[in-house]
Amino acid sequence: MEPQNLKTNFTEQLEKLNTEIGQLRQALAQRQELALKLQGAIEAMQLQLGEEPGEASEPDAVAEATAEVPDAEPVEATAG
């Protein structure tokens, strides 16, 4: 392939990947929000049952699901 064609191909791939990363971040944010809502529901149920919220019966998966994911800066296509 010619260098110009390679550059064009790589640029298109990068744009597609950046779009996909954005979609994945949005899906992650939605699932984290759902995890927080479920955590709140679990805590409410624990209160109704006379348990202390956050007792050992709460799954560790809630903490994992709501953990922050570091943002990676998208790589921008540069001319040159």
Protein backbone atom coordinates (compact mmCIF):
# COMPACT_ATOMS: atom_id res chain seq x y z
CA MET A 1 0.00 0.00 0.00
CA GLU A 2 1.00 3.54 -0.66
CA PRO A 3 1.91 5.64 2.42
CA GLN A 4 -1.02 8.00 1.78
CA ASN A 5 -3.45 5.06 1.59
CA LEU A 6 -2.00 3.63 4.79
CA LYS A 7 -2.40 6.97 6.55
CA THR A 8 -6.00 7.23 5.36
CA ASN A 9 -6.70 3.67 6.46
CA PHE A 10 -5.14 4.23 9.90
CA THR A 11 -7.04 7.49 10.33
CA GLU A 12 -10.35 5.76 9.55
CA GLN A 13 -9.52 2.94 11.98
CA LEU A 14 -8.66 5.46 14.69
CA GLU A 15 -11.92 7.35 14.17
CA LYS A 16 -13.92 4.11 14.39
CA LEU A 17 -12.09 3.08 17.55
CA ASN A 18 -12.64 6.47 19.18
CA THR A 19 -16.34 6.23 18.36
CA GLU A 20 -16.51 2.73 19.81
CA ILE A 21 -14.66 3.83 22.95
CA GLY A 22 -17.18 6.63 23.41
CA GLN A 23 -20.06 4.18 23.07
CA LEU A 24 -18.44 1.81 25.55
CA ARG A 25 -17.92 4.63 28.06
CA GLN A 26 -21.58 5.57 27.73
CA ALA A 27 -22.65 1.95 28.28
CA LEU A 28 -20.32 1.71 31.27
CA ALA A 29 -21.79 4.87 32.80
CA GLN A 30 -25.31 3.49 32.38
CA ARG A 31 -24.37 0.21 34.04
CA GLN A 32 -22.59 2.01 36.89
CA GLU A 33 -25.73 4.06 37.44
CA LEU A 34 -27.82 0.89 37.53
CA ALA A 35 -25.37 -0.67 40.00
CA LEU A 36 -25.71 2.37 42.27
CA LYS A 37 -29.49 2.17 42.11
CA LEU A 38 -29.38 -1.53 42.96
CA GLN A 39 -27.00 -0.80 45.82
CA GLY A 40 -29.47 1.76 47.16
CA ALA A 41 -32.30 -0.75 46.85
CA ILE A 42 -30.25 -3.36 48.72
CA GLU A 43 -29.50 -0.86 51.50
CA ALA A 44 -33.20 0.06 51.74
CA MET A 45 -34.12 -3.61 52.02
CA GLN A 46 -31.47 -4.11 54.69
CA LEU A 47 -32.98 -1.24 56.69
CA GLN A 48 -36.43 -2.75 56.37
CA LEU A 49 -35.07 -6.08 57.56
CA GLY A 50 -33.40 -4.44 60.54
CA GLU A 51 -29.92 -5.04 59.19
CA GLU A 52 -27.15 -2.50 59.11
CA PRO A 53 -26.62 -1.25 55.54
CA GLY A 54 -23.37 -2.47 54.08
CA GLU A 55 -23.19 -5.64 56.17
CA ALA A 56 -21.31 -8.68 54.87
CA SER A 57 -24.42 -9.89 53.05
CA GLU A 58 -23.88 -7.14 50.47
CA PRO A 59 -21.99 -8.58 47.49
CA ASP A 60 -18.52 -7.33 46.68
CA ALA A 61 -19.63 -7.05 43.07
CA VAL A 62 -21.44 -3.82 43.93
CA ALA A 63 -18.19 -2.18 44.98
CA GLU A 64 -16.45 -3.46 41.86
CA ALA A 65 -19.24 -2.32 39.56
CA THR A 66 -19.23 1.20 40.92
CA ALA A 67 -15.44 1.58 41.03
CA GLU A 68 -14.11 4.41 38.96
CA VAL A 69 -12.56 3.53 35.65
CA PRO A 70 -9.71 5.86 34.75
CA ASP A 71 -10.41 7.90 31.66
CA ALA A 72 -7.95 7.34 28.88
CA GLU A 73 -7.54 10.32 26.64
CA PRO A 74 -8.60 9.49 23.10
CA VAL A 75 -5.80 9.58 20.61
CA GLU A 76 -6.48 12.17 17.98
CA ALA A 77 -5.53 11.68 14.38
CA THR A 78 -2.85 14.14 13.42
CA ALA A 79 -1.88 15.32 10.00
CA GLY A 80 1.63 14.67 8.98
